[in-house]
Amino acid sequence: MTQKNNPFLGKWRITWMEAWDEDFFDMEVPAFILVKRDNLGEFHFGNVQGEIDGRITNSHESPRMDFTWAGNAEMDEAYGRGWIMREGGELTGCIYFHMGEESAFRANHER
């Protein structure tokens, strides 16, 4: 997939998380996930922030980006993996903490 056709580019505002409510995920900044042209990026929700390294695959009916991430949670080192897919104008995905919690999420593209 060419970078020009990357459906995940840009900053996405996280609007829902399965495991945490809005009071938590918007605690420090409005929660977001950002994907850059090189499939690197970042996210921040609650007291968790990280850098992502993604790979786009077409193994499903639509493109999917799987990523690993490294960062911190409450100032402690944290890392894990996740994935995102585009469903219409919305991003859906899941983020996993290595040997810990996980949460599905939804996000809308910021203009």
PDB file of N, CA and C in Angstrom:
ATOM      1  N   MET A   1       0.842  -1.174   0.000  1.00  0.00           N
ATOM      2  CA  MET A   1       0.000   0.000   0.000  1.00  0.00           C
ATOM      3  C   MET A   1       0.885   1.234   0.000  1.00  0.00           C
ATOM      4  N   THR A   2       0.591   2.137  -0.887  1.00  0.00           N
ATOM      5  CA  THR A   2       1.382   3.361  -0.957  1.00  0.00           C
ATOM      6  C   THR A   2       1.019   4.286   0.194  1.00  0.00           C
ATOM      7  N   GLN A   3       1.979   5.126   0.561  1.00  0.00           N
ATOM      8  CA  GLN A   3       1.738   6.076   1.647  1.00  0.00           C
ATOM      9  C   GLN A   3       0.570   6.998   1.313  1.00  0.00           C
ATOM     10  N   LYS A   4       0.446   7.343   0.034  1.00  0.00           N
ATOM     11  CA  LYS A   4      -0.609   8.253  -0.394  1.00  0.00           C
ATOM     12  C   LYS A   4      -1.996   7.672  -0.129  1.00  0.00           C
ATOM     13  N   ASN A   5      -2.117   6.351  -0.187  1.00  0.00           N
ATOM     14  CA  ASN A   5      -3.397   5.683   0.021  1.00  0.00           C
ATOM     15  C   ASN A   5      -3.590   5.182   1.453  1.00  0.00           C
ATOM     16  N   ASN A   6      -2.728   5.559   2.355  1.00  0.00           N
ATOM     17  CA  ASN A   6      -2.807   5.100   3.741  1.00  0.00           C
ATOM     18  C   ASN A   6      -4.069   5.658   4.409  1.00  0.00           C
ATOM     19  N   PRO A   7      -5.042   4.810   4.751  1.00  0.00           N
ATOM     20  CA  PRO A   7      -6.300   5.287   5.324  1.00  0.00           C
ATOM     21  C   PRO A   7      -6.205   5.692   6.797  1.00  0.00           C
ATOM     22  N   PHE A   8      -5.031   5.515   7.403  1.00  0.00           N
ATOM     23  CA  PHE A   8      -4.887   5.773   8.834  1.00  0.00           C
ATOM     24  C   PHE A   8      -4.158   7.075   9.154  1.00  0.00           C
ATOM     25  N   LEU A   9      -3.668   7.763   8.123  1.00  0.00           N
ATOM     26  CA  LEU A   9      -2.881   8.979   8.337  1.00  0.00           C
ATOM     27  C   LEU A   9      -3.658  10.024   9.112  1.00  0.00           C
ATOM     28  N   GLY A  10      -2.934  10.730   9.956  1.00  0.00           N
ATOM     29  CA  GLY A  10      -3.515  11.874  10.642  1.00  0.00           C
ATOM     30  C   GLY A  10      -3.734  11.650  12.122  1.00  0.00           C
ATOM     31  N   LYS A  11      -4.330  12.649  12.727  1.00  0.00           N
ATOM     32  CA  LYS A  11      -4.622  12.615  14.155  1.00  0.00           C
ATOM     33  C   LYS A  11      -6.088  12.242  14.345  1.00  0.00           C
ATOM     34  N   TRP A  12      -6.305  11.274  15.195  1.00  0.00           N
ATOM     35  CA  TRP A  12      -7.635  10.744  15.459  1.00  0.00           C
ATOM     36  C   TRP A  12      -7.975  10.964  16.931  1.00  0.00           C
ATOM     37  N   ARG A  13      -9.120  11.519  17.189  1.00  0.00           N
ATOM     38  CA  ARG A  13      -9.595  11.800  18.550  1.00  0.00           C
ATOM     39  C   ARG A  13     -10.313  10.574  19.097  1.00  0.00           C
ATOM     40  N   ILE A  14      -9.765  10.003  20.156  1.00  0.00           N
ATOM     41  CA  ILE A  14     -10.392   8.838  20.784  1.00  0.00           C
ATOM     42  C   ILE A  14     -11.662   9.310  21.497  1.00  0.00           C
ATOM     43  N   THR A  15     -12.794   8.698  21.128  1.00  0.00           N
ATOM     44  CA  THR A  15     -14.091   9.124  21.662  1.00  0.00           C
ATOM     45  C   THR A  15     -14.726   8.086  22.587  1.00  0.00           C
ATOM     46  N   TRP A  16     -14.222   6.857  22.569  1.00  0.00           N
ATOM     47  CA  TRP A  16     -14.770   5.784  23.402  1.00  0.00           C
ATOM     48  C   TRP A  16     -13.689   4.755  23.655  1.00  0.00           C
ATOM     49  N   MET A  17     -13.658   4.251  24.895  1.00  0.00           N
ATOM     50  CA  MET A  17     -12.772   3.142  25.239  1.00  0.00           C
ATOM     51  C   MET A  17     -13.576   2.146  26.064  1.00  0.00           C
ATOM     52  N   GLU A  18     -13.411   0.898  25.730  1.00  0.00           N
ATOM     53  CA  GLU A  18     -14.163  -0.161  26.401  1.00  0.00           C
ATOM     54  C   GLU A  18     -13.824  -0.253  27.894  1.00  0.00           C
ATOM     55  N   ALA A  19     -12.557  -0.131  28.239  1.00  0.00           N
ATOM     56  CA  ALA A  19     -12.111  -0.358  29.611  1.00  0.00           C
ATOM     57  C   ALA A  19     -12.153   0.877  30.503  1.00  0.00           C
ATOM     58  N   TRP A  20     -12.176   2.071  29.915  1.00  0.00           N
ATOM     59  CA  TRP A  20     -12.109   3.287  30.721  1.00  0.00           C
ATOM     60  C   TRP A  20     -13.127   4.309  30.247  1.00  0.00           C
ATOM     61  N   ASP A  21     -13.613   5.121  31.181  1.00  0.00           N
ATOM     62  CA  ASP A  21     -14.589   6.144  30.803  1.00  0.00           C
ATOM     63  C   ASP A  21     -13.881   7.432  30.380  1.00  0.00           C
ATOM     64  N   GLU A  22     -14.659   8.356  29.854  1.00  0.00           N
ATOM     65  CA  GLU A  22     -14.120   9.611  29.321  1.00  0.00           C
ATOM     66  C   GLU A  22     -13.382  10.433  30.370  1.00  0.00           C
ATOM     67  N   ASP A  23     -13.831  10.386  31.620  1.00  0.00           N
ATOM     68  CA  ASP A  23     -13.126  11.113  32.681  1.00  0.00           C
ATOM     69  C   ASP A  23     -11.682  10.645  32.795  1.00  0.00           C
ATOM     70  N   PHE A  24     -11.449   9.333  32.602  1.00  0.00           N
ATOM     71  CA  PHE A  24     -10.076   8.839  32.649  1.00  0.00           C
ATOM     72  C   PHE A  24      -9.346   9.125  31.346  1.00  0.00           C
ATOM     73  N   PHE A  25      -9.918   8.712  30.204  1.00  0.00           N
ATOM     74  CA  PHE A  25      -9.111   8.794  28.984  1.00  0.00           C
ATOM     75  C   PHE A  25      -8.834  10.221  28.536  1.00  0.00           C
ATOM     76  N   ASP A  26      -9.621  11.198  28.984  1.00  0.00           N
ATOM     77  CA  ASP A  26      -9.343  12.609  28.673  1.00  0.00           C
ATOM     78  C   ASP A  26      -8.711  13.358  29.851  1.00  0.00           C
ATOM     79  N   MET A  27      -8.215  12.642  30.840  1.00  0.00           N
ATOM     80  CA  MET A  27      -7.705  13.234  32.081  1.00  0.00           C
ATOM     81  C   MET A  27      -6.583  14.259  31.856  1.00  0.00           C
ATOM     82  N   GLU A  28      -5.592  13.962  31.048  1.00  0.00           N
ATOM     83  CA  GLU A  28      -4.442  14.865  30.869  1.00  0.00           C
ATOM     84  C   GLU A  28      -4.542  15.710  29.606  1.00  0.00           C
ATOM     85  N   VAL A  29      -4.983  15.099  28.525  1.00  0.00           N
ATOM     86  CA  VAL A  29      -5.184  15.786  27.235  1.00  0.00           C
ATOM     87  C   VAL A  29      -6.386  15.116  26.569  1.00  0.00           C
ATOM     88  N   PRO A  30      -7.000  15.753  25.575  1.00  0.00           N
ATOM     89  CA  PRO A  30      -8.007  15.034  24.808  1.00  0.00           C
ATOM     90  C   PRO A  30      -7.350  13.802  24.166  1.00  0.00           C
ATOM     91  N   ALA A  31      -7.865  12.630  24.470  1.00  0.00           N
ATOM     92  CA  ALA A  31      -7.243  11.373  24.029  1.00  0.00           C
ATOM     93  C   ALA A  31      -7.132  11.310  22.509  1.00  0.00           C
ATOM     94  N   PHE A  32      -5.994  10.785  22.027  1.00  0.00           N
ATOM     95  CA  PHE A  32      -5.776  10.723  20.578  1.00  0.00           C
ATOM     96  C   PHE A  32      -4.832   9.598  20.203  1.00  0.00           C
ATOM     97  N   ILE A  33      -4.860   9.281  18.905  1.00  0.00           N
ATOM     98  CA  ILE A  33      -3.845   8.431  18.277  1.00  0.00           C
ATOM     99  C   ILE A  33      -3.456   9.145  16.986  1.00  0.00           C
ATOM    100  N   LEU A  34      -2.156   9.220  16.708  1.00  0.00           N
ATOM    101  CA  LEU A  34      -1.622   9.922  15.552  1.00  0.00           C
ATOM    102  C   LEU A  34      -0.806   8.945  14.717  1.00  0.00           C
ATOM    103  N   VAL A  35      -1.100   8.904  13.412  1.00  0.00           N
ATOM    104  CA  VAL A  35      -0.347   8.048  12.489  1.00  0.00           C
ATOM    105  C   VAL A  35       0.290   8.948  11.437  1.00  0.00           C
ATOM    106  N   LYS A  36       1.620   8.820  11.303  1.00  0.00           N
ATOM    107  CA  LYS A  36       2.367   9.614  10.324  1.00  0.00           C
ATOM    108  C   LYS A  36       2.621   8.804   9.056  1.00  0.00           C
ATOM    109  N   ARG A  37       3.158   9.469   8.032  1.00  0.00           N
ATOM    110  CA  ARG A  37       3.382   8.834   6.727  1.00  0.00           C
ATOM    111  C   ARG A  37       4.293   7.608   6.785  1.00  0.00           C
ATOM    112  N   ASP A  38       5.194   7.553   7.735  1.00  0.00           N
ATOM    113  CA  ASP A  38       6.112   6.419   7.834  1.00  0.00           C
ATOM    114  C   ASP A  38       5.553   5.289   8.702  1.00  0.00           C
ATOM    115  N   ASN A  39       4.248   5.362   9.029  1.00  0.00           N
ATOM    116  CA  ASN A  39       3.557   4.401   9.896  1.00  0.00           C
ATOM    117  C   ASN A  39       4.068   4.402  11.323  1.00  0.00           C
ATOM    118  N   LEU A  40       4.810   5.445  11.676  1.00  0.00           N
ATOM    119  CA  LEU A  40       5.146   5.678  13.071  1.00  0.00           C
ATOM    120  C   LEU A  40       4.105   6.644  13.606  1.00  0.00           C
ATOM    121  N   GLY A  41       4.055   6.804  14.900  1.00  0.00           N
ATOM    122  CA  GLY A  41       3.086   7.732  15.465  1.00  0.00           C
ATOM    123  C   GLY A  41       3.136   7.735  16.971  1.00  0.00           C
ATOM    124  N   GLU A  42       2.043   8.175  17.556  1.00  0.00           N
ATOM    125  CA  GLU A  42       1.967   8.263  19.008  1.00  0.00           C
ATOM    126  C   GLU A  42       0.512   8.228  19.445  1.00  0.00           C
ATOM    127  N   PHE A  43       0.315   8.005  20.728  1.00  0.00           N
ATOM    128  CA  PHE A  43      -1.022   8.083  21.308  1.00  0.00           C
ATOM    129  C   PHE A  43      -0.897   8.602  22.731  1.00  0.00           C
ATOM    130  N   HIS A  44      -2.019   9.082  23.241  1.00  0.00           N
ATOM    131  CA  HIS A  44      -2.070   9.539  24.629  1.00  0.00           C
ATOM    132  C   HIS A  44      -3.518   9.416  25.084  1.00  0.00           C
ATOM    133  N   PHE A  45      -3.713   8.694  26.161  1.00  0.00           N
ATOM    134  CA  PHE A  45      -5.016   8.643  26.819  1.00  0.00           C
ATOM    135  C   PHE A  45      -4.763   8.456  28.312  1.00  0.00           C
ATOM    136  N   GLY A  46      -5.600   9.109  29.121  1.00  0.00           N
ATOM    137  CA  GLY A  46      -5.410   9.028  30.569  1.00  0.00           C
ATOM    138  C   GLY A  46      -4.003   9.420  30.941  1.00  0.00           C
ATOM    139  N   ASN A  47      -3.349   8.580  31.728  1.00  0.00           N
ATOM    140  CA  ASN A  47      -1.953   8.820  32.094  1.00  0.00           C
ATOM    141  C   ASN A  47      -1.028   7.870  31.331  1.00  0.00           C
ATOM    142  N   VAL A  48      -1.460   7.481  30.142  1.00  0.00           N
ATOM    143  CA  VAL A  48      -0.698   6.563  29.296  1.00  0.00           C
ATOM    144  C   VAL A  48      -0.337   7.275  28.004  1.00  0.00           C
ATOM    145  N   GLN A  49       0.943   7.200  27.647  1.00  0.00           N
ATOM    146  CA  GLN A  49       1.358   7.737  26.356  1.00  0.00           C
ATOM    147  C   GLN A  49       2.430   6.841  25.774  1.00  0.00           C
ATOM    148  N   GLY A  50       2.451   6.780  24.448  1.00  0.00           N
ATOM    149  CA  GLY A  50       3.423   5.909  23.817  1.00  0.00           C
ATOM    150  C   GLY A  50       3.664   6.269  22.373  1.00  0.00           C
ATOM    151  N   GLU A  51       4.736   5.705  21.843  1.00  0.00           N
ATOM    152  CA  GLU A  51       5.090   5.827  20.435  1.00  0.00           C
ATOM    153  C   GLU A  51       4.750   4.509  19.775  1.00  0.00           C
ATOM    154  N   ILE A  52       4.202   4.598  18.553  1.00  0.00           N
ATOM    155  CA  ILE A  52       3.816   3.381  17.848  1.00  0.00           C
ATOM    156  C   ILE A  52       4.683   3.160  16.611  1.00  0.00           C
ATOM    157  N   ASP A  53       4.816   1.902  16.251  1.00  0.00           N
ATOM    158  CA  ASP A  53       5.528   1.469  15.048  1.00  0.00           C
ATOM    159  C   ASP A  53       4.613   0.478  14.350  1.00  0.00           C
ATOM    160  N   GLY A  54       4.015   0.900  13.224  1.00  0.00           N
ATOM    161  CA  GLY A  54       2.975   0.101  12.597  1.00  0.00           C
ATOM    162  C   GLY A  54       3.341  -0.518  11.273  1.00  0.00           C
ATOM    163  N   ARG A  55       2.565  -1.532  10.912  1.00  0.00           N
ATOM    164  CA  ARG A  55       2.662  -2.218   9.626  1.00  0.00           C
ATOM    165  C   ARG A  55       1.254  -2.418   9.108  1.00  0.00           C
ATOM    166  N   ILE A  56       1.022  -2.030   7.864  1.00  0.00           N
ATOM    167  CA  ILE A  56      -0.300  -2.173   7.265  1.00  0.00           C
ATOM    168  C   ILE A  56      -0.360  -3.488   6.501  1.00  0.00           C
ATOM    169  N   THR A  57      -1.448  -4.231   6.724  1.00  0.00           N
ATOM    170  CA  THR A  57      -1.678  -5.480   6.017  1.00  0.00           C
ATOM    171  C   THR A  57      -3.055  -5.429   5.365  1.00  0.00           C
ATOM    172  N   ASN A  58      -3.261  -6.268   4.402  1.00  0.00           N
ATOM    173  CA  ASN A  58      -4.555  -6.403   3.748  1.00  0.00           C
ATOM    174  C   ASN A  58      -5.088  -7.815   3.927  1.00  0.00           C
ATOM    175  N   SER A  59      -4.816  -8.409   5.071  1.00  0.00           N
ATOM    176  CA  SER A  59      -5.215  -9.789   5.300  1.00  0.00           C
ATOM    177  C   SER A  59      -6.701  -9.922   5.619  1.00  0.00           C
ATOM    178  N   HIS A  60      -7.366  -8.805   5.841  1.00  0.00           N
ATOM    179  CA  HIS A  60      -8.802  -8.809   6.113  1.00  0.00           C
ATOM    180  C   HIS A  60      -9.516  -8.177   4.918  1.00  0.00           C
ATOM    181  N   GLU A  61     -10.793  -7.988   5.043  1.00  0.00           N
ATOM    182  CA  GLU A  61     -11.550  -7.381   3.949  1.00  0.00           C
ATOM    183  C   GLU A  61     -11.129  -5.940   3.697  1.00  0.00           C
ATOM    184  N   SER A  62     -10.583  -5.298   4.710  1.00  0.00           N
ATOM    185  CA  SER A  62     -10.096  -3.927   4.548  1.00  0.00           C
ATOM    186  C   SER A  62      -8.718  -3.815   5.195  1.00  0.00           C
ATOM    187  N   PRO A  63      -7.956  -2.766   4.869  1.00  0.00           N
ATOM    188  CA  PRO A  63      -6.627  -2.622   5.450  1.00  0.00           C
ATOM    189  C   PRO A  63      -6.677  -2.565   6.979  1.00  0.00           C
ATOM    190  N   ARG A  64      -5.644  -3.081   7.574  1.00  0.00           N
ATOM    191  CA  ARG A  64      -5.504  -3.080   9.032  1.00  0.00           C
ATOM    192  C   ARG A  64      -4.067  -2.701   9.345  1.00  0.00           C
ATOM    193  N   MET A  65      -3.889  -1.907  10.372  1.00  0.00           N
ATOM    194  CA  MET A  65      -2.546  -1.546  10.818  1.00  0.00           C
ATOM    195  C   MET A  65      -2.310  -2.189  12.180  1.00  0.00           C
ATOM    196  N   ASP A  66      -1.345  -3.085  12.232  1.00  0.00           N
ATOM    197  CA  ASP A  66      -0.909  -3.674  13.500  1.00  0.00           C
ATOM    198  C   ASP A  66       0.303  -2.884  13.960  1.00  0.00           C
ATOM    199  N   PHE A  67       0.406  -2.667  15.269  1.00  0.00           N
ATOM    200  CA  PHE A  67       1.528  -1.886  15.764  1.00  0.00           C
ATOM    201  C   PHE A  67       2.014  -2.398  17.113  1.00  0.00           C
ATOM    202  N   THR A  68       3.264  -2.109  17.365  1.00  0.00           N
ATOM    203  CA  THR A  68       3.812  -2.266  18.705  1.00  0.00           C
ATOM    204  C   THR A  68       3.946  -0.863  19.277  1.00  0.00           C
ATOM    205  N   TRP A  69       4.026  -0.772  20.590  1.00  0.00           N
ATOM    206  CA  TRP A  69       4.190   0.538  21.197  1.00  0.00           C
ATOM    207  C   TRP A  69       5.062   0.444  22.442  1.00  0.00           C
ATOM    208  N   ALA A  70       5.706   1.565  22.741  1.00  0.00           N
ATOM    209  CA  ALA A  70       6.525   1.694  23.943  1.00  0.00           C
ATOM    210  C   ALA A  70       6.290   3.090  24.492  1.00  0.00           C
ATOM    211  N   GLY A  71       6.187   3.185  25.797  1.00  0.00           N
ATOM    212  CA  GLY A  71       5.947   4.488  26.421  1.00  0.00           C
ATOM    213  C   GLY A  71       5.908   4.378  27.923  1.00  0.00           C
ATOM    214  N   ASN A  72       4.934   5.071  28.522  1.00  0.00           N
ATOM    215  CA  ASN A  72       4.804   5.014  29.973  1.00  0.00           C
ATOM    216  C   ASN A  72       3.346   5.123  30.392  1.00  0.00           C
ATOM    217  N   ALA A  73       3.103   4.610  31.587  1.00  0.00           N
ATOM    218  CA  ALA A  73       1.792   4.675  32.236  1.00  0.00           C
ATOM    219  C   ALA A  73       2.048   5.043  33.683  1.00  0.00           C
ATOM    220  N   GLU A  74       1.524   6.175  34.100  1.00  0.00           N
ATOM    221  CA  GLU A  74       1.768   6.682  35.452  1.00  0.00           C
ATOM    222  C   GLU A  74       3.270   6.771  35.738  1.00  0.00           C
ATOM    223  N   MET A  75       4.025   7.210  34.746  1.00  0.00           N
ATOM    224  CA  MET A  75       5.467   7.421  34.855  1.00  0.00           C
ATOM    225  C   MET A  75       6.281   6.122  34.908  1.00  0.00           C
ATOM    226  N   ASP A  76       5.626   4.962  34.799  1.00  0.00           N
ATOM    227  CA  ASP A  76       6.327   3.687  34.740  1.00  0.00           C
ATOM    228  C   ASP A  76       6.430   3.242  33.283  1.00  0.00           C
ATOM    229  N   GLU A  77       7.532   2.609  32.934  1.00  0.00           N
ATOM    230  CA  GLU A  77       7.721   2.101  31.579  1.00  0.00           C
ATOM    231  C   GLU A  77       6.595   1.134  31.236  1.00  0.00           C
ATOM    232  N   ALA A  78       6.074   1.265  30.029  1.00  0.00           N
ATOM    233  CA  ALA A  78       4.998   0.383  29.577  1.00  0.00           C
ATOM    234  C   ALA A  78       5.178   0.118  28.086  1.00  0.00           C
ATOM    235  N   TYR A  79       4.671  -1.002  27.638  1.00  0.00           N
ATOM    236  CA  TYR A  79       4.755  -1.340  26.224  1.00  0.00           C
ATOM    237  C   TYR A  79       3.718  -2.394  25.907  1.00  0.00           C
ATOM    238  N   GLY A  80       3.499  -2.591  24.625  1.00  0.00           N
ATOM    239  CA  GLY A  80       2.509  -3.574  24.220  1.00  0.00           C
ATOM    240  C   GLY A  80       2.328  -3.576  22.719  1.00  0.00           C
ATOM    241  N   ARG A  81       1.107  -3.866  22.297  1.00  0.00           N
ATOM    242  CA  ARG A  81       0.779  -3.961  20.879  1.00  0.00           C
ATOM    243  C   ARG A  81      -0.642  -3.470  20.685  1.00  0.00           C
ATOM    244  N   GLY A  82      -1.055  -3.372  19.434  1.00  0.00           N
ATOM    245  CA  GLY A  82      -2.420  -2.974  19.136  1.00  0.00           C
ATOM    246  C   GLY A  82      -2.712  -3.091  17.658  1.00  0.00           C
ATOM    247  N   TRP A  83      -3.907  -2.713  17.283  1.00  0.00           N
ATOM    248  CA  TRP A  83      -4.308  -2.719  15.883  1.00  0.00           C
ATOM    249  C   TRP A  83      -5.379  -1.662  15.685  1.00  0.00           C
ATOM    250  N   ILE A  84      -5.498  -1.208  14.424  1.00  0.00           N
ATOM    251  CA  ILE A  84      -6.559  -0.285  14.044  1.00  0.00           C
ATOM    252  C   ILE A  84      -7.093  -0.661  12.667  1.00  0.00           C
ATOM    253  N   MET A  85      -8.372  -0.381  12.473  1.00  0.00           N
ATOM    254  CA  MET A  85      -9.027  -0.558  11.181  1.00  0.00           C
ATOM    255  C   MET A  85      -9.919   0.650  10.946  1.00  0.00           C
ATOM    256  N   ARG A  86     -10.215   0.911   9.710  1.00  0.00           N
ATOM    257  CA  ARG A  86     -11.091   2.022   9.358  1.00  0.00           C
ATOM    258  C   ARG A  86     -12.456   1.457   9.024  1.00  0.00           C
ATOM    259  N   GLU A  87     -13.473   2.006   9.660  1.00  0.00           N
ATOM    260  CA  GLU A  87     -14.853   1.613   9.376  1.00  0.00           C
ATOM    261  C   GLU A  87     -15.604   2.877   9.021  1.00  0.00           C
ATOM    262  N   GLY A  88     -15.730   3.134   7.719  1.00  0.00           N
ATOM    263  CA  GLY A  88     -16.315   4.396   7.272  1.00  0.00           C
ATOM    264  C   GLY A  88     -15.393   5.536   7.680  1.00  0.00           C
ATOM    265  N   GLY A  89     -15.922   6.534   8.331  1.00  0.00           N
ATOM    266  CA  GLY A  89     -15.120   7.661   8.776  1.00  0.00           C
ATOM    267  C   GLY A  89     -14.555   7.499  10.175  1.00  0.00           C
ATOM    268  N   GLU A  90     -14.717   6.312  10.740  1.00  0.00           N
ATOM    269  CA  GLU A  90     -14.285   6.077  12.117  1.00  0.00           C
ATOM    270  C   GLU A  90     -13.151   5.064  12.157  1.00  0.00           C
ATOM    271  N   LEU A  91     -12.284   5.225  13.132  1.00  0.00           N
ATOM    272  CA  LEU A  91     -11.209   4.276  13.393  1.00  0.00           C
ATOM    273  C   LEU A  91     -11.658   3.391  14.557  1.00  0.00           C
ATOM    274  N   THR A  92     -11.483   2.098  14.421  1.00  0.00           N
ATOM    275  CA  THR A  92     -11.723   1.185  15.531  1.00  0.00           C
ATOM    276  C   THR A  92     -10.433   0.427  15.775  1.00  0.00           C
ATOM    277  N   GLY A  93     -10.238  -0.002  16.995  1.00  0.00           N
ATOM    278  CA  GLY A  93      -9.021  -0.734  17.294  1.00  0.00           C
ATOM    279  C   GLY A  93      -9.005  -1.273  18.698  1.00  0.00           C
ATOM    280  N   CYS A  94      -7.858  -1.790  19.063  1.00  0.00           N
ATOM    281  CA  CYS A  94      -7.657  -2.314  20.406  1.00  0.00           C
ATOM    282  C   CYS A  94      -6.191  -2.081  20.780  1.00  0.00           C
ATOM    283  N   ILE A  95      -5.988  -1.737  22.036  1.00  0.00           N
ATOM    284  CA  ILE A  95      -4.629  -1.555  22.542  1.00  0.00           C
ATOM    285  C   ILE A  95      -4.422  -2.528  23.695  1.00  0.00           C
ATOM    286  N   TYR A  96      -3.266  -3.178  23.683  1.00  0.00           N
ATOM    287  CA  TYR A  96      -2.924  -4.190  24.674  1.00  0.00           C
ATOM    288  C   TYR A  96      -1.664  -3.771  25.423  1.00  0.00           C
ATOM    289  N   PHE A  97      -1.681  -3.915  26.733  1.00  0.00           N
ATOM    290  CA  PHE A  97      -0.492  -3.727  27.554  1.00  0.00           C
ATOM    291  C   PHE A  97       0.161  -5.095  27.728  1.00  0.00           C
ATOM    292  N   HIS A  98       1.464  -5.165  27.555  1.00  0.00           N
ATOM    293  CA  HIS A  98       2.183  -6.426  27.730  1.00  0.00           C
ATOM    294  C   HIS A  98       1.884  -6.975  29.129  1.00  0.00           C
ATOM    295  N   MET A  99       1.337  -8.187  29.174  1.00  0.00           N
ATOM    296  CA  MET A  99       0.993  -8.872  30.421  1.00  0.00           C
ATOM    297  C   MET A  99       0.051  -8.035  31.302  1.00  0.00           C
ATOM    298  N   GLY A 100      -0.884  -7.317  30.663  1.00  0.00           N
ATOM    299  CA  GLY A 100      -1.778  -6.461  31.441  1.00  0.00           C
ATOM    300  C   GLY A 100      -3.119  -6.240  30.769  1.00  0.00           C
ATOM    301  N   GLU A 101      -3.632  -5.053  30.972  1.00  0.00           N
ATOM    302  CA  GLU A 101      -4.961  -4.701  30.501  1.00  0.00           C
ATOM    303  C   GLU A 101      -5.026  -4.562  28.987  1.00  0.00           C
ATOM    304  N   GLU A 102      -6.258  -4.458  28.500  1.00  0.00           N
ATOM    305  CA  GLU A 102      -6.498  -4.200  27.089  1.00  0.00           C
ATOM    306  C   GLU A 102      -7.794  -3.412  26.974  1.00  0.00           C
ATOM    307  N   SER A 103      -7.929  -2.684  25.886  1.00  0.00           N
ATOM    308  CA  SER A 103      -9.165  -1.949  25.656  1.00  0.00           C
ATOM    309  C   SER A 103      -9.399  -1.729  24.171  1.00  0.00           C
ATOM    310  N   ALA A 104     -10.620  -2.013  23.749  1.00  0.00           N
ATOM    311  CA  ALA A 104     -11.056  -1.606  22.427  1.00  0.00           C
ATOM    312  C   ALA A 104     -11.279  -0.101  22.479  1.00  0.00           C
ATOM    313  N   PHE A 105     -11.215   0.559  21.317  1.00  0.00           N
ATOM    314  CA  PHE A 105     -11.479   1.998  21.274  1.00  0.00           C
ATOM    315  C   PHE A 105     -12.029   2.395  19.918  1.00  0.00           C
ATOM    316  N   ARG A 106     -12.637   3.590  19.881  1.00  0.00           N
ATOM    317  CA  ARG A 106     -13.107   4.205  18.648  1.00  0.00           C
ATOM    318  C   ARG A 106     -12.558   5.623  18.606  1.00  0.00           C
ATOM    319  N   ALA A 107     -12.321   6.113  17.392  1.00  0.00           N
ATOM    320  CA  ALA A 107     -11.771   7.455  17.227  1.00  0.00           C
ATOM    321  C   ALA A 107     -12.293   8.080  15.942  1.00  0.00           C
ATOM    322  N   ASN A 108     -12.408   9.406  15.952  1.00  0.00           N
ATOM    323  CA  ASN A 108     -12.810  10.176  14.780  1.00  0.00           C
ATOM    324  C   ASN A 108     -11.650  11.024  14.309  1.00  0.00           C
ATOM    325  N   HIS A 109     -11.549  11.184  12.990  1.00  0.00           N
ATOM    326  CA  HIS A 109     -10.461  11.965  12.395  1.00  0.00           C
ATOM    327  C   HIS A 109     -10.608  13.430  12.763  1.00  0.00           C
ATOM    328  N   GLU A 110      -9.520  14.050  13.217  1.00  0.00           N
ATOM    329  CA  GLU A 110      -9.529  15.486  13.503  1.00  0.00           C
ATOM    330  C   GLU A 110      -9.237  16.244  12.227  1.00  0.00           C
ATOM    331  N   ARG A 111      -9.929  17.309  12.011  1.00  0.00           N
ATOM    332  CA  ARG A 111      -9.737  18.125  10.808  1.00  0.00           C
ATOM    333  C   ARG A 111      -8.784  19.251  11.093  1.00  0.00           C
TER     334      ARG A 111
END
